[in-house]
Amino acid sequence: MATAATTKMSSKGQVVIPEEIRKRLRLKTGDRFVVLGEKDTVILKTITPPSMAEFDELIAEARRQAREAGLKQSDVLAAVNSHRRRK
């Protein structure tokens, strides 16, 4: 169950995550968050990189979709090179 705690925002917009919550969620210095705000609600969601297994699944799905779309590796390389030339 979620633990409630209070905190306040500094003049620089910084908010301290209470120690009990940091420990329970195993948050550490340098962790990154996505911040969502709607009406009077602010949500912090940790950004976690995918595991190698998850990354492999993403690559397999991207390759499957490319095959279904009829893309070839040469099409992808041509698109990347075209974009690089525009910069």
PDB file of N, CA and C in Angstrom:
ATOM      1  N   MET A   1       0.836  -1.181   0.000  1.00  0.00           N
ATOM      2  CA  MET A   1       0.000   0.000   0.000  1.00  0.00           C
ATOM      3  C   MET A   1       0.878   1.240   0.000  1.00  0.00           C
ATOM      4  N   ALA A   2       0.439   2.283  -0.666  1.00  0.00           N
ATOM      5  CA  ALA A   2       1.213   3.512  -0.771  1.00  0.00           C
ATOM      6  C   ALA A   2       1.324   4.198   0.584  1.00  0.00           C
ATOM      7  N   THR A   3       2.481   4.769   0.836  1.00  0.00           N
ATOM      8  CA  THR A   3       2.707   5.529   2.051  1.00  0.00           C
ATOM      9  C   THR A   3       2.554   7.004   1.728  1.00  0.00           C
ATOM     10  N   ALA A   4       1.775   7.715   2.501  1.00  0.00           N
ATOM     11  CA  ALA A   4       1.593   9.151   2.298  1.00  0.00           C
ATOM     12  C   ALA A   4       2.597   9.905   3.149  1.00  0.00           C
ATOM     13  N   ALA A   5       3.074  11.004   2.613  1.00  0.00           N
ATOM     14  CA  ALA A   5       3.991  11.866   3.343  1.00  0.00           C
ATOM     15  C   ALA A   5       3.790  13.278   2.809  1.00  0.00           C
ATOM     16  N   THR A   6       4.258  14.255   3.541  1.00  0.00           N
ATOM     17  CA  THR A   6       4.170  15.629   3.063  1.00  0.00           C
ATOM     18  C   THR A   6       5.563  16.167   2.809  1.00  0.00           C
ATOM     19  N   THR A   7       5.634  17.133   1.925  1.00  0.00           N
ATOM     20  CA  THR A   7       6.884  17.792   1.597  1.00  0.00           C
ATOM     21  C   THR A   7       6.525  19.175   1.098  1.00  0.00           C
ATOM     22  N   LYS A   8       7.491  20.005   0.814  1.00  0.00           N
ATOM     23  CA  LYS A   8       7.201  21.312   0.243  1.00  0.00           C
ATOM     24  C   LYS A   8       8.207  21.637  -0.844  1.00  0.00           C
ATOM     25  N   MET A   9       7.835  22.576  -1.688  1.00  0.00           N
ATOM     26  CA  MET A   9       8.690  22.969  -2.807  1.00  0.00           C
ATOM     27  C   MET A   9       9.545  24.162  -2.383  1.00  0.00           C
ATOM     28  N   SER A  10      10.825  24.129  -2.783  1.00  0.00           N
ATOM     29  CA  SER A  10      11.727  25.237  -2.477  1.00  0.00           C
ATOM     30  C   SER A  10      11.504  26.377  -3.467  1.00  0.00           C
ATOM     31  N   SER A  11      12.160  27.491  -3.218  1.00  0.00           N
ATOM     32  CA  SER A  11      12.050  28.647  -4.121  1.00  0.00           C
ATOM     33  C   SER A  11      12.607  28.341  -5.510  1.00  0.00           C
ATOM     34  N   LYS A  12      13.430  27.289  -5.615  1.00  0.00           N
ATOM     35  CA  LYS A  12      13.994  26.871  -6.908  1.00  0.00           C
ATOM     36  C   LYS A  12      13.153  25.790  -7.575  1.00  0.00           C
ATOM     37  N   GLY A  13      11.995  25.448  -6.993  1.00  0.00           N
ATOM     38  CA  GLY A  13      11.132  24.434  -7.580  1.00  0.00           C
ATOM     39  C   GLY A  13      11.532  23.016  -7.214  1.00  0.00           C
ATOM     40  N   GLN A  14      12.430  22.858  -6.259  1.00  0.00           N
ATOM     41  CA  GLN A  14      12.886  21.530  -5.862  1.00  0.00           C
ATOM     42  C   GLN A  14      11.976  20.950  -4.792  1.00  0.00           C
ATOM     43  N   VAL A  15      11.714  19.646  -4.898  1.00  0.00           N
ATOM     44  CA  VAL A  15      10.875  18.946  -3.939  1.00  0.00           C
ATOM     45  C   VAL A  15      11.676  17.777  -3.374  1.00  0.00           C
ATOM     46  N   VAL A  16      11.654  17.629  -2.065  1.00  0.00           N
ATOM     47  CA  VAL A  16      12.346  16.526  -1.410  1.00  0.00           C
ATOM     48  C   VAL A  16      11.393  15.339  -1.319  1.00  0.00           C
ATOM     49  N   ILE A  17      11.858  14.187  -1.763  1.00  0.00           N
ATOM     50  CA  ILE A  17      11.086  12.954  -1.587  1.00  0.00           C
ATOM     51  C   ILE A  17      11.466  12.416  -0.214  1.00  0.00           C
ATOM     52  N   PRO A  18      10.498  12.239   0.666  1.00  0.00           N
ATOM     53  CA  PRO A  18      10.816  11.801   2.030  1.00  0.00           C
ATOM     54  C   PRO A  18      11.654  10.515   2.059  1.00  0.00           C
ATOM     55  N   GLU A  19      12.542  10.444   3.046  1.00  0.00           N
ATOM     56  CA  GLU A  19      13.491   9.337   3.158  1.00  0.00           C
ATOM     57  C   GLU A  19      12.816   7.971   3.161  1.00  0.00           C
ATOM     58  N   GLU A  20      11.719   7.820   3.892  1.00  0.00           N
ATOM     59  CA  GLU A  20      11.035   6.525   3.964  1.00  0.00           C
ATOM     60  C   GLU A  20      10.619   6.054   2.564  1.00  0.00           C
ATOM     61  N   ILE A  21      10.125   6.967   1.755  1.00  0.00           N
ATOM     62  CA  ILE A  21       9.698   6.612   0.405  1.00  0.00           C
ATOM     63  C   ILE A  21      10.911   6.324  -0.473  1.00  0.00           C
ATOM     64  N   ARG A  22      11.978   7.149  -0.347  1.00  0.00           N
ATOM     65  CA  ARG A  22      13.202   6.896  -1.129  1.00  0.00           C
ATOM     66  C   ARG A  22      13.751   5.511  -0.834  1.00  0.00           C
ATOM     67  N   LYS A  23      13.773   5.127   0.441  1.00  0.00           N
ATOM     68  CA  LYS A  23      14.303   3.808   0.812  1.00  0.00           C
ATOM     69  C   LYS A  23      13.423   2.687   0.282  1.00  0.00           C
ATOM     70  N   ARG A  24      12.102   2.829   0.461  1.00  0.00           N
ATOM     71  CA  ARG A  24      11.181   1.774   0.032  1.00  0.00           C
ATOM     72  C   ARG A  24      11.250   1.563  -1.479  1.00  0.00           C
ATOM     73  N   LEU A  25      11.395   2.661  -2.232  1.00  0.00           N
ATOM     74  CA  LEU A  25      11.456   2.563  -3.694  1.00  0.00           C
ATOM     75  C   LEU A  25      12.884   2.396  -4.221  1.00  0.00           C
ATOM     76  N   ARG A  26      13.835   2.368  -3.288  1.00  0.00           N
ATOM     77  CA  ARG A  26      15.256   2.223  -3.635  1.00  0.00           C
ATOM     78  C   ARG A  26      15.721   3.316  -4.606  1.00  0.00           C
ATOM     79  N   LEU A  27      15.292   4.541  -4.343  1.00  0.00           N
ATOM     80  CA  LEU A  27      15.707   5.681  -5.157  1.00  0.00           C
ATOM     81  C   LEU A  27      17.085   6.123  -4.710  1.00  0.00           C
ATOM     82  N   LYS A  28      17.879   6.567  -5.670  1.00  0.00           N
ATOM     83  CA  LYS A  28      19.224   7.021  -5.336  1.00  0.00           C
ATOM     84  C   LYS A  28      19.553   8.311  -6.085  1.00  0.00           C
ATOM     85  N   THR A  29      20.579   8.976  -5.639  1.00  0.00           N
ATOM     86  CA  THR A  29      21.018  10.211  -6.264  1.00  0.00           C
ATOM     87  C   THR A  29      21.231   9.994  -7.752  1.00  0.00           C
ATOM     88  N   GLY A  30      20.713  10.900  -8.550  1.00  0.00           N
ATOM     89  CA  GLY A  30      20.886  10.809  -9.995  1.00  0.00           C
ATOM     90  C   GLY A  30      19.757  10.101 -10.719  1.00  0.00           C
ATOM     91  N   ASP A  31      18.852   9.427  -9.982  1.00  0.00           N
ATOM     92  CA  ASP A  31      17.708   8.794 -10.637  1.00  0.00           C
ATOM     93  C   ASP A  31      16.929   9.867 -11.397  1.00  0.00           C
ATOM     94  N   ARG A  32      16.379   9.472 -12.534  1.00  0.00           N
ATOM     95  CA  ARG A  32      15.646  10.415 -13.379  1.00  0.00           C
ATOM     96  C   ARG A  32      14.158  10.071 -13.349  1.00  0.00           C
ATOM     97  N   PHE A  33      13.331  11.104 -13.559  1.00  0.00           N
ATOM     98  CA  PHE A  33      11.885  10.960 -13.470  1.00  0.00           C
ATOM     99  C   PHE A  33      11.201  11.642 -14.647  1.00  0.00           C
ATOM    100  N   VAL A  34      10.049  11.109 -15.008  1.00  0.00           N
ATOM    101  CA  VAL A  34       9.114  11.805 -15.865  1.00  0.00           C
ATOM    102  C   VAL A  34       8.166  12.503 -14.905  1.00  0.00           C
ATOM    103  N   VAL A  35       7.848  13.771 -15.175  1.00  0.00           N
ATOM    104  CA  VAL A  35       6.941  14.516 -14.313  1.00  0.00           C
ATOM    105  C   VAL A  35       5.677  14.830 -15.099  1.00  0.00           C
ATOM    106  N   LEU A  36       4.539  14.398 -14.544  1.00  0.00           N
ATOM    107  CA  LEU A  36       3.241  14.647 -15.167  1.00  0.00           C
ATOM    108  C   LEU A  36       2.431  15.541 -14.240  1.00  0.00           C
ATOM    109  N   GLY A  37       1.753  16.519 -14.795  1.00  0.00           N
ATOM    110  CA  GLY A  37       0.923  17.399 -13.995  1.00  0.00           C
ATOM    111  C   GLY A  37      -0.439  17.595 -14.633  1.00  0.00           C
ATOM    112  N   GLU A  38      -1.476  17.477 -13.833  1.00  0.00           N
ATOM    113  CA  GLU A  38      -2.844  17.666 -14.310  1.00  0.00           C
ATOM    114  C   GLU A  38      -3.660  18.230 -13.150  1.00  0.00           C
ATOM    115  N   LYS A  39      -4.258  19.396 -13.371  1.00  0.00           N
ATOM    116  CA  LYS A  39      -5.043  20.085 -12.328  1.00  0.00           C
ATOM    117  C   LYS A  39      -4.209  20.193 -11.058  1.00  0.00           C
ATOM    118  N   ASP A  40      -4.618  19.553  -9.966  1.00  0.00           N
ATOM    119  CA  ASP A  40      -3.862  19.679  -8.716  1.00  0.00           C
ATOM    120  C   ASP A  40      -3.046  18.433  -8.392  1.00  0.00           C
ATOM    121  N   THR A  41      -2.722  17.642  -9.426  1.00  0.00           N
ATOM    122  CA  THR A  41      -1.988  16.396  -9.214  1.00  0.00           C
ATOM    123  C   THR A  41      -0.653  16.439  -9.938  1.00  0.00           C
ATOM    124  N   VAL A  42       0.400  16.039  -9.239  1.00  0.00           N
ATOM    125  CA  VAL A  42       1.739  15.902  -9.822  1.00  0.00           C
ATOM    126  C   VAL A  42       2.176  14.467  -9.604  1.00  0.00           C
ATOM    127  N   ILE A  43       2.634  13.828 -10.676  1.00  0.00           N
ATOM    128  CA  ILE A  43       3.094  12.443 -10.583  1.00  0.00           C
ATOM    129  C   ILE A  43       4.546  12.384 -11.027  1.00  0.00           C
ATOM    130  N   LEU A  44       5.382  11.745 -10.213  1.00  0.00           N
ATOM    131  CA  LEU A  44       6.775  11.469 -10.577  1.00  0.00           C
ATOM    132  C   LEU A  44       6.873   9.987 -10.900  1.00  0.00           C
ATOM    133  N   LYS A  45       7.391   9.665 -12.066  1.00  0.00           N
ATOM    134  CA  LYS A  45       7.564   8.262 -12.471  1.00  0.00           C
ATOM    135  C   LYS A  45       9.028   8.056 -12.802  1.00  0.00           C
ATOM    136  N   THR A  46       9.656   7.097 -12.120  1.00  0.00           N
ATOM    137  CA  THR A  46      11.067   6.847 -12.402  1.00  0.00           C
ATOM    138  C   THR A  46      11.237   6.352 -13.832  1.00  0.00           C
ATOM    139  N   ILE A  47      12.323   6.763 -14.426  1.00  0.00           N
ATOM    140  CA  ILE A  47      12.678   6.304 -15.770  1.00  0.00           C
ATOM    141  C   ILE A  47      13.649   5.154 -15.595  1.00  0.00           C
ATOM    142  N   THR A  48      13.270   3.993 -16.069  1.00  0.00           N
ATOM    143  CA  THR A  48      14.156   2.843 -15.964  1.00  0.00           C
ATOM    144  C   THR A  48      14.441   2.315 -17.358  1.00  0.00           C
ATOM    145  N   PRO A  49      15.711   2.146 -17.683  1.00  0.00           N
ATOM    146  CA  PRO A  49      16.032   1.604 -19.005  1.00  0.00           C
ATOM    147  C   PRO A  49      15.556   0.160 -19.104  1.00  0.00           C
ATOM    148  N   PRO A  50      15.198  -0.278 -20.310  1.00  0.00           N
ATOM    149  CA  PRO A  50      14.751  -1.664 -20.449  1.00  0.00           C
ATOM    150  C   PRO A  50      15.900  -2.639 -20.188  1.00  0.00           C
ATOM    151  N   SER A  51      15.552  -3.819 -19.705  1.00  0.00           N
ATOM    152  CA  SER A  51      16.555  -4.872 -19.548  1.00  0.00           C
ATOM    153  C   SER A  51      16.965  -5.324 -20.950  1.00  0.00           C
ATOM    154  N   MET A  52      18.029  -6.082 -21.046  1.00  0.00           N
ATOM    155  CA  MET A  52      18.467  -6.581 -22.354  1.00  0.00           C
ATOM    156  C   MET A  52      17.390  -7.461 -22.978  1.00  0.00           C
ATOM    157  N   ALA A  53      16.687  -8.241 -22.160  1.00  0.00           N
ATOM    158  CA  ALA A  53      15.618  -9.098 -22.692  1.00  0.00           C
ATOM    159  C   ALA A  53      14.484  -8.240 -23.256  1.00  0.00           C
ATOM    160  N   GLU A  54      14.110  -7.180 -22.527  1.00  0.00           N
ATOM    161  CA  GLU A  54      13.068  -6.279 -23.018  1.00  0.00           C
ATOM    162  C   GLU A  54      13.517  -5.571 -24.294  1.00  0.00           C
ATOM    163  N   PHE A  55      14.791  -5.167 -24.323  1.00  0.00           N
ATOM    164  CA  PHE A  55      15.333  -4.497 -25.506  1.00  0.00           C
ATOM    165  C   PHE A  55      15.303  -5.447 -26.705  1.00  0.00           C
ATOM    166  N   ASP A  56      15.676  -6.690 -26.480  1.00  0.00           N
ATOM    167  CA  ASP A  56      15.629  -7.686 -27.561  1.00  0.00           C
ATOM    168  C   ASP A  56      14.205  -7.855 -28.088  1.00  0.00           C
ATOM    169  N   GLU A  57      13.223  -7.841 -27.175  1.00  0.00           N
ATOM    170  CA  GLU A  57      11.821  -7.941 -27.593  1.00  0.00           C
ATOM    171  C   GLU A  57      11.405  -6.735 -28.429  1.00  0.00           C
ATOM    172  N   LEU A  58      11.858  -5.542 -28.021  1.00  0.00           N
ATOM    173  CA  LEU A  58      11.539  -4.334 -28.784  1.00  0.00           C
ATOM    174  C   LEU A  58      12.137  -4.394 -30.188  1.00  0.00           C
ATOM    175  N   ILE A  59      13.381  -4.837 -30.285  1.00  0.00           N
ATOM    176  CA  ILE A  59      14.046  -4.951 -31.588  1.00  0.00           C
ATOM    177  C   ILE A  59      13.322  -5.977 -32.461  1.00  0.00           C
ATOM    178  N   ALA A  60      12.957  -7.114 -31.880  1.00  0.00           N
ATOM    179  CA  ALA A  60      12.250  -8.139 -32.649  1.00  0.00           C
ATOM    180  C   ALA A  60      10.919  -7.604 -33.164  1.00  0.00           C
ATOM    181  N   GLU A  61      10.207  -6.868 -32.341  1.00  0.00           N
ATOM    182  CA  GLU A  61       8.922  -6.295 -32.766  1.00  0.00           C
ATOM    183  C   GLU A  61       9.126  -5.253 -33.870  1.00  0.00           C
ATOM    184  N   ALA A  62      10.157  -4.419 -33.733  1.00  0.00           N
ATOM    185  CA  ALA A  62      10.439  -3.421 -34.765  1.00  0.00           C
ATOM    186  C   ALA A  62      10.776  -4.098 -36.092  1.00  0.00           C
ATOM    187  N   ARG A  63      11.558  -5.157 -36.038  1.00  0.00           N
ATOM    188  CA  ARG A  63      11.907  -5.891 -37.264  1.00  0.00           C
ATOM    189  C   ARG A  63      10.677  -6.539 -37.885  1.00  0.00           C
ATOM    190  N   ARG A  64       9.789  -7.094 -37.046  1.00  0.00           N
ATOM    191  CA  ARG A  64       8.565  -7.710 -37.551  1.00  0.00           C
ATOM    192  C   ARG A  64       7.709  -6.671 -38.272  1.00  0.00           C
ATOM    193  N   GLN A  65       7.550  -5.509 -37.651  1.00  0.00           N
ATOM    194  CA  GLN A  65       6.739  -4.463 -38.262  1.00  0.00           C
ATOM    195  C   GLN A  65       7.369  -3.945 -39.548  1.00  0.00           C
ATOM    196  N   ALA A  66       8.687  -3.845 -39.578  1.00  0.00           N
ATOM    197  CA  ALA A  66       9.376  -3.399 -40.794  1.00  0.00           C
ATOM    198  C   ALA A  66       9.156  -4.403 -41.922  1.00  0.00           C
ATOM    199  N   ARG A  67       9.251  -5.699 -41.603  1.00  0.00           N
ATOM    200  CA  ARG A  67       9.000  -6.735 -42.622  1.00  0.00           C
ATOM    201  C   ARG A  67       7.577  -6.624 -43.163  1.00  0.00           C
ATOM    202  N   GLU A  68       6.609  -6.466 -42.254  1.00  0.00           N
ATOM    203  CA  GLU A  68       5.213  -6.356 -42.670  1.00  0.00           C
ATOM    204  C   GLU A  68       4.981  -5.125 -43.546  1.00  0.00           C
ATOM    205  N   ALA A  69       5.744  -4.067 -43.288  1.00  0.00           N
ATOM    206  CA  ALA A  69       5.609  -2.837 -44.073  1.00  0.00           C
ATOM    207  C   ALA A  69       6.398  -2.910 -45.375  1.00  0.00           C
ATOM    208  N   GLY A  70       7.173  -3.983 -45.541  1.00  0.00           N
ATOM    209  CA  GLY A  70       7.951  -4.145 -46.761  1.00  0.00           C
ATOM    210  C   GLY A  70       9.255  -3.363 -46.778  1.00  0.00           C
ATOM    211  N   LEU A  71       9.703  -2.915 -45.594  1.00  0.00           N
ATOM    212  CA  LEU A  71      10.971  -2.176 -45.520  1.00  0.00           C
ATOM    213  C   LEU A  71      12.145  -3.138 -45.565  1.00  0.00           C
ATOM    214  N   LYS A  72      13.199  -2.678 -46.220  1.00  0.00           N
ATOM    215  CA  LYS A  72      14.448  -3.437 -46.239  1.00  0.00           C
ATOM    216  C   LYS A  72      15.484  -2.654 -45.449  1.00  0.00           C
ATOM    217  N   GLN A  73      16.559  -3.327 -45.077  1.00  0.00           N
ATOM    218  CA  GLN A  73      17.617  -2.645 -44.326  1.00  0.00           C
ATOM    219  C   GLN A  73      18.164  -1.475 -45.138  1.00  0.00           C
ATOM    220  N   SER A  74      18.242  -1.632 -46.456  1.00  0.00           N
ATOM    221  CA  SER A  74      18.749  -0.539 -47.300  1.00  0.00           C
ATOM    222  C   SER A  74      17.816   0.676 -47.250  1.00  0.00           C
ATOM    223  N   ASP A  75      16.506   0.464 -47.073  1.00  0.00           N
ATOM    224  CA  ASP A  75      15.559   1.576 -46.943  1.00  0.00           C
ATOM    225  C   ASP A  75      15.835   2.365 -45.660  1.00  0.00           C
ATOM    226  N   VAL A  76      16.087   1.634 -44.594  1.00  0.00           N
ATOM    227  CA  VAL A  76      16.361   2.278 -43.307  1.00  0.00           C
ATOM    228  C   VAL A  76      17.661   3.068 -43.388  1.00  0.00           C
ATOM    229  N   LEU A  77      18.706   2.474 -43.943  1.00  0.00           N
ATOM    230  CA  LEU A  77      19.993   3.171 -44.081  1.00  0.00           C
ATOM    231  C   LEU A  77      19.849   4.409 -44.951  1.00  0.00           C
ATOM    232  N   ALA A  78      19.073   4.328 -46.011  1.00  0.00           N
ATOM    233  CA  ALA A  78      18.860   5.479 -46.885  1.00  0.00           C
ATOM    234  C   ALA A  78      18.132   6.592 -46.132  1.00  0.00           C
ATOM    235  N   ALA A  79      17.144   6.247 -45.320  1.00  0.00           N
ATOM    236  CA  ALA A  79      16.406   7.246 -44.547  1.00  0.00           C
ATOM    237  C   ALA A  79      17.317   7.915 -43.517  1.00  0.00           C
ATOM    238  N   VAL A  80      18.155   7.132 -42.849  1.00  0.00           N
ATOM    239  CA  VAL A  80      19.090   7.690 -41.857  1.00  0.00           C
ATOM    240  C   VAL A  80      20.068   8.631 -42.549  1.00  0.00           C
ATOM    241  N   ASN A  81      20.636   8.210 -43.655  1.00  0.00           N
ATOM    242  CA  ASN A  81      21.595   9.055 -44.381  1.00  0.00           C
ATOM    243  C   ASN A  81      20.939  10.316 -44.893  1.00  0.00           C
ATOM    244  N   SER A  82      19.719  10.233 -45.376  1.00  0.00           N
ATOM    245  CA  SER A  82      18.976  11.416 -45.848  1.00  0.00           C
ATOM    246  C   SER A  82      18.770  12.399 -44.717  1.00  0.00           C
ATOM    247  N   HIS A  83      18.404  11.897 -43.556  1.00  0.00           N
ATOM    248  CA  HIS A  83      18.181  12.780 -42.403  1.00  0.00           C
ATOM    249  C   HIS A  83      19.494  13.434 -41.967  1.00  0.00           C
ATOM    250  N   ARG A  84      20.573  12.669 -41.965  1.00  0.00           N
ATOM    251  CA  ARG A  84      21.873  13.224 -41.552  1.00  0.00           C
ATOM    252  C   ARG A  84      22.336  14.324 -42.491  1.00  0.00           C
ATOM    253  N   ARG A  85      22.042  14.201 -43.771  1.00  0.00           N
ATOM    254  CA  ARG A  85      22.438  15.224 -44.735  1.00  0.00           C
ATOM    255  C   ARG A  85      21.689  16.529 -44.498  1.00  0.00           C
ATOM    256  N   ARG A  86      20.478  16.455 -43.966  1.00  0.00           N
ATOM    257  CA  ARG A  86      19.673  17.658 -43.728  1.00  0.00           C
ATOM    258  C   ARG A  86      20.213  18.506 -42.593  1.00  0.00           C
ATOM    259  N   LYS A  87      21.004  17.950 -41.698  1.00  0.00           N
ATOM    260  CA  LYS A  87      21.498  18.692 -40.535  1.00  0.00           C
ATOM    261  C   LYS A  87      22.671  19.565 -40.869  1.00  0.00           C
TER     262      LYS A  87
END
